[in-house]
N, C-alpha and C. Protein backbone atom coordinates (compact mmCIF):
# COMPACT_ATOMS: atom_id res chain seq x y z
N MET A 1 -7.35 -2.28 -35.67
CA MET A 1 -7.62 -3.26 -34.64
C MET A 1 -6.46 -2.79 -33.80
N SER A 2 -6.87 -2.86 -32.42
CA SER A 2 -6.01 -2.24 -31.38
C SER A 2 -5.11 -3.40 -30.91
N VAL A 3 -3.93 -2.61 -30.77
CA VAL A 3 -2.85 -3.70 -30.27
C VAL A 3 -2.55 -3.30 -28.61
N THR A 4 -2.57 -4.38 -27.92
CA THR A 4 -2.37 -4.37 -26.25
C THR A 4 -0.48 -4.39 -25.95
N VAL A 5 -0.37 -3.35 -25.12
CA VAL A 5 1.25 -3.33 -25.53
C VAL A 5 1.24 -3.62 -23.86
N SER A 6 2.45 -4.43 -23.57
CA SER A 6 2.83 -4.68 -22.21
C SER A 6 3.34 -3.68 -21.61
N PRO A 7 3.26 -3.55 -20.15
CA PRO A 7 4.44 -2.45 -19.63
C PRO A 7 5.67 -3.39 -19.11
N PRO A 8 6.56 -2.47 -19.52
CA PRO A 8 7.96 -3.04 -18.81
C PRO A 8 8.11 -3.56 -17.66
N ILE A 9 8.78 -4.40 -17.32
CA ILE A 9 8.77 -5.30 -16.29
C ILE A 9 10.22 -5.20 -15.79
N PHE A 10 10.47 -4.62 -14.55
CA PHE A 10 11.63 -4.24 -13.65
C PHE A 10 11.89 -5.55 -12.75
N ALA A 11 12.83 -6.13 -12.88
CA ALA A 11 12.98 -7.41 -12.09
C ALA A 11 13.82 -6.75 -10.71
N VAL A 12 13.46 -6.65 -9.64
CA VAL A 12 14.16 -5.91 -8.37
C VAL A 12 13.74 -6.98 -7.37
N THR A 13 14.64 -7.34 -6.63
CA THR A 13 14.45 -8.15 -5.35
C THR A 13 15.35 -7.54 -4.38
N PRO A 14 15.39 -8.03 -3.03
CA PRO A 14 16.28 -7.04 -1.79
C PRO A 14 17.81 -7.94 -2.05
N GLN A 15 17.67 -8.98 -2.91
CA GLN A 15 19.16 -9.34 -3.12
C GLN A 15 19.82 -8.80 -4.37
N ALA A 16 19.06 -8.19 -5.26
CA ALA A 16 19.58 -7.99 -6.25
C ALA A 16 18.72 -6.20 -6.58
N MET A 17 19.13 -5.15 -5.45
CA MET A 17 18.51 -3.99 -5.58
C MET A 17 18.77 -3.11 -6.99
N ASP A 18 18.03 -3.08 -7.67
CA ASP A 18 18.42 -2.44 -8.91
C ASP A 18 17.83 -0.89 -9.04
N MET A 19 18.89 0.01 -8.39
CA MET A 19 18.29 1.34 -8.02
C MET A 19 17.90 2.19 -9.41
N THR A 20 18.79 1.91 -10.51
CA THR A 20 18.22 2.39 -11.44
C THR A 20 16.84 2.26 -12.23
N ARG A 21 16.74 0.94 -11.70
CA ARG A 21 15.29 0.74 -12.21
C ARG A 21 14.30 1.36 -11.12
N LEU A 22 14.43 1.18 -10.11
CA LEU A 22 13.41 1.81 -8.89
C LEU A 22 13.26 3.15 -9.09
N ALA A 23 14.45 3.87 -9.68
CA ALA A 23 14.47 5.45 -9.85
C ALA A 23 13.65 5.57 -10.98
N GLU A 24 13.45 4.66 -11.94
CA GLU A 24 13.03 4.84 -13.42
C GLU A 24 11.37 4.99 -13.28
N ALA A 25 10.92 3.71 -12.01
CA ALA A 25 9.85 3.69 -11.82
C ALA A 25 8.85 4.70 -11.09
N ALA A 26 9.86 5.08 -9.95
CA ALA A 26 9.80 6.15 -9.35
C ALA A 26 9.14 7.56 -10.13
N ALA A 27 10.04 7.86 -10.93
CA ALA A 27 9.81 9.06 -11.68
C ALA A 27 8.49 9.01 -12.73
N MET A 28 8.04 7.69 -12.99
CA MET A 28 6.73 7.83 -13.45
C MET A 28 5.80 7.88 -12.78
N VAL A 29 5.99 7.36 -11.29
CA VAL A 29 4.98 7.58 -10.52
C VAL A 29 4.84 9.51 -10.14
N ARG A 30 5.65 10.13 -10.10
CA ARG A 30 6.14 11.38 -10.17
C ARG A 30 5.23 12.11 -11.64
N ARG A 31 5.33 11.49 -12.53
CA ARG A 31 4.52 12.31 -13.66
C ARG A 31 3.33 11.78 -13.75
N GLY A 32 2.88 11.18 -12.97
CA GLY A 32 1.12 10.72 -12.66
C GLY A 32 1.02 9.16 -13.42
N GLY A 33 1.96 8.48 -13.56
CA GLY A 33 1.92 7.26 -13.93
C GLY A 33 1.51 6.04 -12.56
N LEU A 34 1.25 4.97 -13.25
CA LEU A 34 0.75 3.95 -12.47
C LEU A 34 1.64 2.75 -12.31
N VAL A 35 2.21 2.43 -11.13
CA VAL A 35 3.47 1.35 -11.13
C VAL A 35 3.11 0.53 -10.25
N VAL A 36 2.93 -0.84 -10.56
CA VAL A 36 2.62 -2.20 -9.90
C VAL A 36 3.87 -2.43 -9.17
N PHE A 37 3.93 -2.58 -7.40
CA PHE A 37 5.03 -2.83 -6.75
C PHE A 37 4.70 -3.82 -6.02
N PRO A 38 6.25 -4.63 -5.08
CA PRO A 38 5.40 -5.54 -4.18
C PRO A 38 5.63 -5.06 -2.58
N THR A 39 4.36 -5.64 -2.00
CA THR A 39 4.77 -5.26 -0.46
C THR A 39 4.94 -7.14 -0.08
N GLU A 40 5.05 -7.09 1.39
CA GLU A 40 4.88 -8.19 2.04
C GLU A 40 3.96 -9.03 2.02
N THR A 41 2.74 -8.31 1.61
CA THR A 41 1.31 -8.83 1.59
C THR A 41 0.82 -9.07 0.23
N VAL A 42 0.52 -8.09 -0.54
CA VAL A 42 -0.02 -8.19 -1.85
C VAL A 42 1.02 -7.41 -2.63
N TYR A 43 0.73 -7.27 -3.82
CA TYR A 43 1.16 -6.35 -4.72
C TYR A 43 0.32 -4.94 -5.04
N GLY A 44 0.54 -4.03 -5.07
CA GLY A 44 -0.08 -2.85 -5.13
C GLY A 44 0.11 -2.12 -6.18
N VAL A 45 -0.90 -0.96 -6.59
CA VAL A 45 -0.39 0.01 -7.92
C VAL A 45 -0.12 1.32 -6.94
N ALA A 46 1.00 1.78 -7.24
CA ALA A 46 1.45 3.26 -6.82
C ALA A 46 0.78 4.54 -7.29
N VAL A 47 0.15 5.24 -6.60
CA VAL A 47 -0.04 6.42 -7.70
C VAL A 47 0.66 7.37 -6.84
N HIS A 48 0.37 9.01 -7.19
CA HIS A 48 0.53 9.75 -6.60
C HIS A 48 -0.57 10.39 -6.29
N VAL A 49 -0.57 10.70 -4.80
CA VAL A 49 -1.84 10.99 -3.98
C VAL A 49 -2.51 12.38 -4.31
N HIS A 50 -2.09 13.32 -4.91
CA HIS A 50 -2.09 14.71 -5.05
C HIS A 50 -2.42 15.19 -6.32
N ASP A 51 -2.33 13.97 -7.40
CA ASP A 51 -2.47 14.22 -8.79
C ASP A 51 -3.71 13.67 -8.98
N ALA A 52 -4.72 14.28 -9.13
CA ALA A 52 -6.15 13.94 -9.48
C ALA A 52 -6.60 13.17 -10.59
N GLN A 53 -5.84 13.35 -11.50
CA GLN A 53 -5.96 12.74 -12.76
C GLN A 53 -5.37 11.37 -12.91
N ALA A 54 -4.35 11.12 -12.33
CA ALA A 54 -3.60 10.02 -11.92
C ALA A 54 -4.49 8.86 -11.05
N VAL A 55 -4.92 9.40 -10.09
CA VAL A 55 -5.90 9.12 -9.14
C VAL A 55 -7.10 8.60 -9.65
N GLU A 56 -7.61 9.29 -10.55
CA GLU A 56 -8.87 8.98 -11.34
C GLU A 56 -8.62 7.63 -12.17
N ARG A 57 -7.58 8.00 -13.11
CA ARG A 57 -7.09 6.85 -13.75
C ARG A 57 -6.97 5.58 -13.07
N LEU A 58 -6.53 5.42 -11.96
CA LEU A 58 -6.40 4.51 -10.87
C LEU A 58 -7.92 3.77 -10.67
N TYR A 59 -8.94 4.74 -10.21
CA TYR A 59 -10.04 4.33 -9.88
C TYR A 59 -10.62 3.40 -10.85
N GLN A 60 -10.75 4.11 -12.26
CA GLN A 60 -11.15 3.53 -13.58
C GLN A 60 -10.53 2.08 -13.94
N LEU A 61 -9.35 2.20 -13.65
CA LEU A 61 -8.84 0.94 -13.74
C LEU A 61 -9.06 -0.18 -12.88
N LYS A 62 -9.34 -0.17 -11.96
CA LYS A 62 -9.72 -1.16 -10.80
C LYS A 62 -11.16 -1.05 -10.74
N GLY A 63 -11.80 -0.36 -11.11
CA GLY A 63 -13.37 -0.05 -11.44
C GLY A 63 -13.62 -0.38 -9.93
N ARG A 64 -12.87 0.59 -9.00
CA ARG A 64 -12.92 0.96 -7.50
C ARG A 64 -14.34 1.97 -7.46
N PRO A 65 -14.85 1.78 -6.47
CA PRO A 65 -16.21 2.83 -5.82
C PRO A 65 -15.24 4.03 -5.62
N GLN A 66 -15.89 4.98 -6.19
CA GLN A 66 -15.15 6.35 -6.07
C GLN A 66 -15.25 6.95 -4.20
N ASP A 67 -16.23 6.25 -3.35
CA ASP A 67 -16.06 6.36 -2.09
C ASP A 67 -15.32 5.35 -1.28
N LYS A 68 -14.52 5.04 -1.46
CA LYS A 68 -13.40 4.09 -0.86
C LYS A 68 -12.20 4.51 -1.30
N GLN A 69 -11.97 4.92 0.09
CA GLN A 69 -10.50 5.87 0.48
C GLN A 69 -9.32 4.67 -0.07
N LEU A 70 -8.47 5.88 -0.49
CA LEU A 70 -6.79 4.88 -0.88
C LEU A 70 -5.89 4.88 0.31
N THR A 71 -5.26 3.78 0.73
CA THR A 71 -4.21 3.84 1.78
C THR A 71 -2.68 4.28 1.41
N ILE A 72 -2.53 5.20 2.23
CA ILE A 72 -0.87 5.72 1.89
C ILE A 72 -0.36 4.60 2.07
N HIS A 73 0.85 4.80 1.51
CA HIS A 73 2.09 3.91 1.87
C HIS A 73 3.37 4.85 2.12
N LEU A 74 3.78 4.54 3.26
CA LEU A 74 4.96 5.06 3.92
C LEU A 74 6.25 4.49 3.75
N TRP A 75 7.43 5.17 3.69
CA TRP A 75 8.75 4.49 3.82
C TRP A 75 9.41 4.71 5.25
N GLU A 76 9.10 5.61 5.97
CA GLU A 76 9.41 5.52 7.36
C GLU A 76 8.07 6.32 8.32
N VAL A 77 8.59 5.62 9.46
CA VAL A 77 7.48 5.92 10.50
C VAL A 77 7.22 7.66 10.96
N GLN A 78 8.43 8.70 10.42
CA GLN A 78 8.51 10.08 10.94
C GLN A 78 7.21 10.63 9.88
N GLN A 79 6.80 9.91 8.72
CA GLN A 79 5.77 10.65 8.15
C GLN A 79 4.16 10.81 8.51
N VAL A 80 4.09 9.96 9.62
CA VAL A 80 2.89 9.81 10.36
C VAL A 80 2.21 11.02 10.43
N GLU A 81 3.20 11.84 10.83
CA GLU A 81 2.78 13.13 11.40
C GLU A 81 2.25 14.16 10.50
N SER A 82 2.57 13.98 9.20
CA SER A 82 2.08 14.78 8.24
C SER A 82 0.96 14.55 7.62
N VAL A 83 0.34 13.58 7.65
CA VAL A 83 -0.95 13.04 7.31
C VAL A 83 -1.99 12.66 8.36
N ALA A 84 -1.48 12.40 9.54
CA ALA A 84 -2.45 12.16 10.46
C ALA A 84 -3.09 13.41 11.61
N ARG A 85 -4.24 13.61 11.76
CA ARG A 85 -4.22 14.66 12.43
C ARG A 85 -4.01 14.56 14.07
N GLU A 86 -4.38 13.08 14.39
CA GLU A 86 -3.86 12.50 15.85
C GLU A 86 -3.20 11.42 15.93
N VAL A 87 -2.32 11.19 16.37
CA VAL A 87 -1.33 10.00 16.72
C VAL A 87 -1.27 9.36 18.16
N SER A 88 -2.41 8.75 18.73
CA SER A 88 -2.50 8.59 19.86
C SER A 88 -1.51 7.70 20.74
N PRO A 89 -1.43 7.70 21.78
CA PRO A 89 -0.34 7.19 22.54
C PRO A 89 -0.53 5.31 22.34
N LEU A 90 -1.92 5.04 22.18
CA LEU A 90 -2.02 3.62 21.54
C LEU A 90 -1.39 3.40 20.45
N ALA A 91 -1.82 4.30 19.36
CA ALA A 91 -1.35 4.41 18.10
C ALA A 91 0.33 4.21 18.20
N ARG A 92 0.84 4.67 18.94
CA ARG A 92 2.27 4.87 18.80
C ARG A 92 3.00 3.39 19.55
N ARG A 93 2.06 2.89 20.50
CA ARG A 93 2.59 1.65 20.49
C ARG A 93 2.31 0.43 19.90
N VAL A 94 1.29 0.75 19.18
CA VAL A 94 0.71 -0.36 18.09
C VAL A 94 2.07 -0.22 16.71
N MET A 95 2.54 0.81 16.64
CA MET A 95 3.41 1.14 15.22
C MET A 95 4.74 0.87 15.92
N ALA A 96 5.10 0.94 16.72
CA ALA A 96 6.30 0.57 17.64
C ALA A 96 6.30 -0.99 17.60
N ARG A 97 5.27 -1.45 17.89
CA ARG A 97 5.26 -3.17 17.65
C ARG A 97 5.30 -3.90 16.49
N PHE A 98 4.22 -3.21 15.31
CA PHE A 98 3.81 -3.99 14.60
C PHE A 98 4.53 -3.15 13.17
N TRP A 99 5.06 -2.22 13.25
CA TRP A 99 5.72 -1.55 11.96
C TRP A 99 7.01 -1.47 11.95
N PRO A 100 7.84 -1.92 10.78
CA PRO A 100 7.07 -1.95 9.65
C PRO A 100 6.64 -3.59 9.64
N GLY A 101 5.42 -3.84 8.84
CA GLY A 101 4.79 -4.85 8.91
C GLY A 101 3.61 -4.75 8.07
N PRO A 102 2.75 -6.10 8.20
CA PRO A 102 1.41 -6.00 7.37
C PRO A 102 0.08 -5.97 8.17
N LEU A 103 0.16 -4.42 8.56
CA LEU A 103 -0.82 -3.79 9.33
C LEU A 103 -1.05 -2.66 8.79
N THR A 104 -2.08 -2.17 8.62
CA THR A 104 -2.77 -0.57 8.41
C THR A 104 -3.53 -0.36 9.09
N LEU A 105 -3.05 0.88 9.57
CA LEU A 105 -3.54 1.39 10.57
C LEU A 105 -4.74 2.75 10.17
N VAL A 106 -5.76 2.81 10.90
CA VAL A 106 -6.61 3.95 10.15
C VAL A 106 -6.70 4.75 11.29
N LEU A 107 -6.35 6.01 11.13
CA LEU A 107 -5.99 7.07 12.08
C LEU A 107 -6.83 8.30 11.56
N PRO A 108 -7.28 9.45 12.57
CA PRO A 108 -7.81 10.64 12.10
C PRO A 108 -6.98 11.38 11.45
N GLY A 109 -7.42 11.64 10.27
CA GLY A 109 -6.70 12.48 9.30
C GLY A 109 -6.78 14.09 9.30
N ARG A 110 -5.75 14.47 8.60
CA ARG A 110 -5.88 16.16 8.51
C ARG A 110 -6.69 16.86 7.29
N THR A 111 -6.99 16.01 6.51
CA THR A 111 -7.39 16.47 5.21
C THR A 111 -8.96 15.48 4.91
N THR A 112 -8.87 14.53 5.68
CA THR A 112 -10.28 13.62 5.74
C THR A 112 -10.28 13.18 6.98
N SER A 113 -11.60 12.92 7.26
CA SER A 113 -12.17 12.15 8.65
C SER A 113 -11.15 11.22 9.17
N THR A 114 -10.78 10.31 8.19
CA THR A 114 -9.60 9.14 8.74
C THR A 114 -8.55 9.23 7.64
N VAL A 115 -7.77 8.49 7.70
CA VAL A 115 -6.74 7.93 6.84
C VAL A 115 -6.17 6.77 6.86
N GLY A 116 -6.03 5.72 5.96
CA GLY A 116 -5.26 4.75 6.06
C GLY A 116 -3.60 4.66 5.94
N LEU A 117 -3.10 4.01 6.86
CA LEU A 117 -1.59 4.03 6.63
C LEU A 117 -0.95 2.96 6.62
N ARG A 118 0.11 2.63 5.86
CA ARG A 118 0.82 1.52 5.73
C ARG A 118 2.06 1.70 5.71
N LEU A 119 3.03 1.15 6.56
CA LEU A 119 4.74 0.88 6.09
C LEU A 119 4.90 -0.64 5.94
N PRO A 120 5.00 -0.69 4.99
CA PRO A 120 5.47 -1.95 4.51
C PRO A 120 6.45 -2.55 4.98
N ASP A 121 6.73 -3.88 5.40
CA ASP A 121 8.04 -4.58 5.68
C ASP A 121 8.67 -5.33 4.53
N HIS A 122 9.41 -4.41 3.42
CA HIS A 122 9.58 -5.29 1.82
C HIS A 122 10.62 -4.35 1.99
N PRO A 123 11.97 -4.58 1.66
CA PRO A 123 13.03 -3.39 1.37
C PRO A 123 12.86 -2.96 -0.21
N VAL A 124 12.27 -3.82 -1.15
CA VAL A 124 12.05 -2.87 -2.53
C VAL A 124 11.22 -1.88 -2.22
N ALA A 125 10.16 -2.53 -1.80
CA ALA A 125 9.08 -1.47 -1.40
C ALA A 125 9.01 -0.04 -0.88
N ARG A 126 9.71 -0.23 0.29
CA ARG A 126 10.64 0.84 0.96
C ARG A 126 11.46 1.87 0.14
N GLN A 127 11.90 1.26 -0.54
CA GLN A 127 13.12 2.18 -1.18
C GLN A 127 12.49 2.60 -2.38
N PHE A 128 11.67 1.88 -3.43
CA PHE A 128 10.50 2.39 -4.36
C PHE A 128 10.12 3.98 -3.75
N LEU A 129 9.17 3.47 -2.48
CA LEU A 129 8.62 4.73 -2.48
C LEU A 129 9.52 5.97 -1.69
N ALA A 130 10.77 5.73 -1.18
CA ALA A 130 11.72 6.62 -0.75
C ALA A 130 11.80 7.54 -1.96
N LEU A 131 12.13 6.47 -3.18
CA LEU A 131 12.52 7.43 -4.20
C LEU A 131 11.49 8.08 -5.23
N CYS A 132 10.35 7.87 -4.69
CA CYS A 132 9.13 8.69 -5.44
C CYS A 132 8.87 9.91 -5.01
N GLN A 133 9.63 10.49 -3.73
CA GLN A 133 9.48 11.96 -3.19
C GLN A 133 8.14 12.32 -3.19
N VAL A 134 7.47 11.76 -3.48
CA VAL A 134 5.70 12.37 -3.26
C VAL A 134 5.05 11.17 -2.54
N PRO A 135 3.72 12.06 -1.82
CA PRO A 135 2.80 10.93 -1.22
C PRO A 135 2.44 9.89 -2.14
N VAL A 136 2.29 8.61 -1.54
CA VAL A 136 2.05 7.72 -2.49
C VAL A 136 0.83 6.56 -2.07
N ALA A 137 -0.28 6.49 -2.72
CA ALA A 137 -1.19 5.33 -2.64
C ALA A 137 -0.89 4.42 -3.10
N ALA A 138 -1.62 3.08 -2.24
CA ALA A 138 -1.12 2.02 -3.15
C ALA A 138 -2.25 0.89 -2.98
N PRO A 139 -3.66 0.90 -3.67
CA PRO A 139 -4.41 -0.37 -3.28
C PRO A 139 -3.81 -1.38 -4.04
N SER A 140 -4.29 -2.73 -3.57
CA SER A 140 -3.89 -3.80 -4.16
C SER A 140 -4.20 -4.07 -6.00
N ALA A 141 -3.45 -4.62 -6.73
CA ALA A 141 -3.44 -4.44 -8.07
C ALA A 141 -4.19 -5.55 -8.58
N ASN A 142 -5.48 -5.12 -8.58
CA ASN A 142 -6.37 -6.32 -9.05
C ASN A 142 -7.66 -5.46 -9.04
N ARG A 143 -8.70 -5.68 -9.91
CA ARG A 143 -10.11 -5.22 -10.06
C ARG A 143 -10.89 -5.46 -9.16
N SER A 144 -11.41 -4.43 -8.37
CA SER A 144 -11.98 -4.33 -7.29
C SER A 144 -13.18 -5.90 -7.15
N GLY A 145 -13.17 -6.43 -5.90
CA GLY A 145 -13.89 -7.87 -5.68
C GLY A 145 -13.08 -8.62 -6.20
N ASP A 146 -11.88 -8.98 -6.92
CA ASP A 146 -11.16 -9.97 -7.40
C ASP A 146 -10.11 -10.19 -6.24
N PRO A 147 -9.66 -11.54 -6.03
CA PRO A 147 -8.57 -11.56 -5.41
C PRO A 147 -7.21 -10.46 -5.13
N PRO A 148 -6.73 -10.39 -4.49
CA PRO A 148 -5.45 -9.59 -4.62
C PRO A 148 -4.36 -10.32 -4.90
N PRO A 149 -3.43 -9.79 -6.06
CA PRO A 149 -2.19 -10.42 -6.44
C PRO A 149 -1.02 -10.92 -5.43
N THR A 150 -0.92 -11.96 -5.41
CA THR A 150 0.55 -12.03 -4.34
C THR A 150 1.95 -12.13 -4.94
N ASP A 151 1.52 -12.31 -6.62
CA ASP A 151 2.59 -12.23 -7.10
C ASP A 151 2.83 -11.32 -8.42
N ALA A 152 3.84 -11.19 -9.21
CA ALA A 152 3.78 -9.95 -10.32
C ALA A 152 2.75 -10.51 -11.46
N THR A 153 3.08 -11.92 -11.83
CA THR A 153 2.49 -12.56 -12.81
C THR A 153 0.86 -12.32 -12.76
N SER A 154 0.30 -12.64 -11.55
CA SER A 154 -1.29 -12.47 -11.25
C SER A 154 -1.27 -10.97 -11.40
N ALA A 155 -0.66 -9.85 -11.07
CA ALA A 155 -0.57 -8.53 -10.94
C ALA A 155 -1.16 -7.92 -12.66
N ILE A 156 0.09 -8.54 -13.40
CA ILE A 156 0.11 -8.07 -14.86
C ILE A 156 -1.22 -8.53 -15.35
N ALA A 157 -1.82 -9.65 -15.00
CA ALA A 157 -3.14 -10.44 -15.57
C ALA A 157 -4.18 -9.47 -15.33
N ALA A 158 -4.20 -9.23 -14.13
CA ALA A 158 -5.33 -8.29 -13.95
C ALA A 158 -5.34 -7.25 -14.14
N LEU A 159 -4.27 -6.46 -14.20
CA LEU A 159 -4.25 -4.88 -14.72
C LEU A 159 -3.30 -4.54 -15.35
N GLY A 160 -2.13 -5.25 -15.90
CA GLY A 160 -1.19 -5.05 -16.61
C GLY A 160 -1.42 -4.14 -18.20
N HIS A 161 -2.49 -4.44 -18.73
CA HIS A 161 -2.77 -3.36 -19.55
C HIS A 161 -2.81 -1.99 -19.67
N GLY A 162 -3.03 -1.71 -18.24
CA GLY A 162 -3.45 -0.27 -17.87
C GLY A 162 -2.52 0.50 -17.23
N VAL A 163 -1.08 -0.04 -16.85
CA VAL A 163 -0.52 0.27 -15.95
C VAL A 163 1.05 0.63 -16.78
N ASP A 164 1.68 1.44 -15.96
CA ASP A 164 3.15 2.09 -16.87
C ASP A 164 3.97 1.29 -16.68
N ALA A 165 4.22 0.27 -15.53
CA ALA A 165 5.53 -0.54 -15.16
C ALA A 165 5.41 -1.37 -14.21
N VAL A 166 5.87 -2.35 -14.29
CA VAL A 166 5.85 -3.54 -12.82
C VAL A 166 7.02 -3.68 -12.27
N ILE A 167 7.41 -3.62 -11.41
CA ILE A 167 8.25 -3.85 -10.33
C ILE A 167 7.98 -5.80 -9.80
N ASP A 168 8.97 -6.54 -10.47
CA ASP A 168 8.68 -8.15 -9.91
C ASP A 168 9.82 -8.29 -9.01
N SER A 169 9.10 -8.62 -7.48
CA SER A 169 10.27 -9.38 -6.69
C SER A 169 9.87 -10.59 -6.22
N GLY A 170 8.92 -11.13 -7.13
CA GLY A 170 8.97 -12.46 -6.62
C GLY A 170 7.69 -12.77 -5.86
N PRO A 171 7.23 -13.90 -5.29
CA PRO A 171 5.77 -14.10 -4.64
C PRO A 171 5.84 -13.20 -3.37
N THR A 172 5.05 -12.88 -2.83
CA THR A 172 4.87 -11.95 -1.66
C THR A 172 5.10 -12.94 -0.26
N THR A 173 5.71 -12.70 0.57
CA THR A 173 5.83 -13.59 1.98
C THR A 173 4.52 -13.83 2.62
N TYR A 174 3.44 -13.12 2.78
CA TYR A 174 2.35 -13.57 3.39
C TYR A 174 1.44 -13.98 2.81
N ARG A 175 1.18 -13.78 1.40
CA ARG A 175 -0.01 -14.43 0.48
C ARG A 175 -1.19 -14.06 0.78
N GLY A 176 -1.71 -12.72 1.32
CA GLY A 176 -2.73 -12.54 1.70
C GLY A 176 -2.56 -10.99 2.05
N PRO A 177 -3.74 -10.15 2.11
CA PRO A 177 -3.85 -9.01 2.71
C PRO A 177 -3.45 -8.41 3.90
N SER A 178 -3.16 -7.36 4.24
CA SER A 178 -3.00 -6.42 5.62
C SER A 178 -4.10 -6.97 6.56
N THR A 179 -3.87 -6.73 7.59
CA THR A 179 -4.88 -6.38 8.92
C THR A 179 -5.15 -5.21 8.77
N VAL A 180 -6.22 -4.23 8.92
CA VAL A 180 -6.82 -3.11 8.87
C VAL A 180 -7.17 -3.11 10.21
N LEU A 181 -6.81 -2.02 11.22
CA LEU A 181 -7.05 -1.81 12.36
C LEU A 181 -7.27 -0.12 12.32
N GLN A 182 -8.36 0.32 13.27
CA GLN A 182 -8.68 1.48 13.30
C GLN A 182 -8.46 1.90 14.70
N ILE A 183 -7.67 3.33 15.09
CA ILE A 183 -7.14 3.56 16.35
C ILE A 183 -8.08 4.99 16.42
N LEU A 184 -9.05 5.12 17.06
CA LEU A 184 -9.10 6.39 17.60
C LEU A 184 -9.08 6.68 18.96
N GLY A 185 -8.21 7.86 19.19
CA GLY A 185 -7.56 7.72 20.94
C GLY A 185 -7.29 6.57 21.60
N GLU A 186 -8.01 6.14 22.38
CA GLU A 186 -7.20 4.77 23.28
C GLU A 186 -8.12 3.50 22.73
N GLN A 187 -9.10 3.84 21.60
CA GLN A 187 -9.93 2.65 21.38
C GLN A 187 -9.63 1.93 19.97
N ALA A 188 -9.43 0.72 19.72
CA ALA A 188 -9.24 0.03 18.46
C ALA A 188 -10.09 -0.88 18.10
N ARG A 189 -10.28 -1.20 16.88
CA ARG A 189 -11.31 -1.86 16.05
C ARG A 189 -10.92 -2.13 15.09
N VAL A 190 -10.83 -3.73 14.74
CA VAL A 190 -10.36 -4.45 13.68
C VAL A 190 -11.23 -4.22 12.67
N LEU A 191 -11.07 -3.75 11.21
CA LEU A 191 -11.80 -3.61 10.49
C LEU A 191 -11.83 -4.66 8.90
N ARG A 192 -10.45 -5.26 9.39
CA ARG A 192 -10.17 -6.56 8.61
C ARG A 192 -9.40 -7.29 9.01
N GLU A 193 -9.80 -8.82 9.22
CA GLU A 193 -8.63 -9.42 9.35
C GLU A 193 -7.69 -9.71 8.86
N GLY A 194 -6.31 -9.78 8.97
CA GLY A 194 -5.80 -10.36 7.22
C GLY A 194 -3.96 -10.93 7.88
N SER A 195 -3.20 -10.62 7.66
CA SER A 195 -1.93 -11.25 8.27
C SER A 195 -1.29 -11.32 9.55
N ILE A 196 -2.28 -10.17 10.36
CA ILE A 196 -2.03 -10.36 11.56
C ILE A 196 -2.93 -10.58 12.32
N SER A 197 -3.42 -11.85 13.27
CA SER A 197 -4.47 -12.01 13.91
C SER A 197 -4.88 -11.32 14.78
N VAL A 198 -6.56 -11.17 15.13
CA VAL A 198 -6.83 -10.69 16.26
C VAL A 198 -6.22 -11.22 17.35
N GLU A 199 -5.75 -12.62 17.57
CA GLU A 199 -5.30 -13.10 18.92
C GLU A 199 -3.93 -12.52 18.90
N THR A 200 -3.40 -12.09 17.81
CA THR A 200 -1.89 -11.75 17.97
C THR A 200 -2.20 -10.53 18.46
N LEU A 201 -2.99 -9.72 18.03
CA LEU A 201 -3.14 -8.10 18.47
C LEU A 201 -3.54 -8.32 20.25
N ARG A 202 -4.32 -9.21 20.39
CA ARG A 202 -4.80 -9.13 21.68
C ARG A 202 -3.47 -9.55 22.79
N ALA A 203 -2.82 -10.52 22.07
CA ALA A 203 -1.69 -10.96 22.80
C ALA A 203 -0.41 -10.10 23.29
N HIS A 204 -0.43 -8.99 22.22
CA HIS A 204 0.39 -7.64 22.56
C HIS A 204 -0.48 -6.72 22.97
N GLY A 205 -1.60 -6.81 23.66
CA GLY A 205 -1.86 -5.71 24.70
C GLY A 205 -2.78 -4.67 23.59
N VAL A 206 -3.42 -5.14 22.63
CA VAL A 206 -4.11 -3.94 22.10
C VAL A 206 -5.49 -4.17 22.41
N PRO A 207 -6.23 -3.10 23.15
CA PRO A 207 -7.63 -3.38 23.44
C PRO A 207 -8.32 -3.29 22.45
N LEU A 208 -9.24 -4.12 21.93
CA LEU A 208 -10.11 -4.48 20.79
C LEU A 208 -11.43 -4.14 21.38
N SER A 209 -12.12 -3.32 20.59
CA SER A 209 -13.33 -3.08 20.98
C SER A 209 -14.58 -3.90 20.42
N CYS A 210 -15.43 -4.56 20.28
CA CYS A 210 -16.44 -5.56 19.29
C CYS A 210 -16.86 -4.29 18.29
N GLY A 211 -17.08 -5.43 17.41
CA GLY A 211 -17.73 -4.73 16.36
C GLY A 211 -16.92 -4.31 15.00
């Protein structure tokens, strides 16, 4: 008879920033582990981008289509240059206005045609990502096609049997996914409307193309 082992749960909040627990979770990612962590939108699963075995494990756990790229999560805006081939003036204006925050930017990539980037507005997420010391991708902590989790309990119910640790920081602020905005040169297109509305983007001067 198989026994399901629950992952360790680290309670870490902005008010009680347990650096020892965050460092332990970050070390798991460096070693190829999968760690659930909070952002201001939904809970994600952190994986070392350049660890092929860990990435494959994540895809299998989520039931994620192999052709669906992972979004890189950053802890500071200066990291953009290392993964994006082109950061246009429009992209810089959008980052200055909406980052950190619930906006995923899709830019021309250095190793792929495009790359998705997120700079979360969550102190625990940013500190955890910085401690990882490796490039981290983090899709939502759910089975593909299911609603993304907005608290640790939902993330554990969805993927808890297959991850190495869970950072629990309580319910997310926005209770929904980020907005995904693709920027190529001075052209912008919303790929998914989420926590930032199309109207808000337009109100801040983002020139959105149709379709």
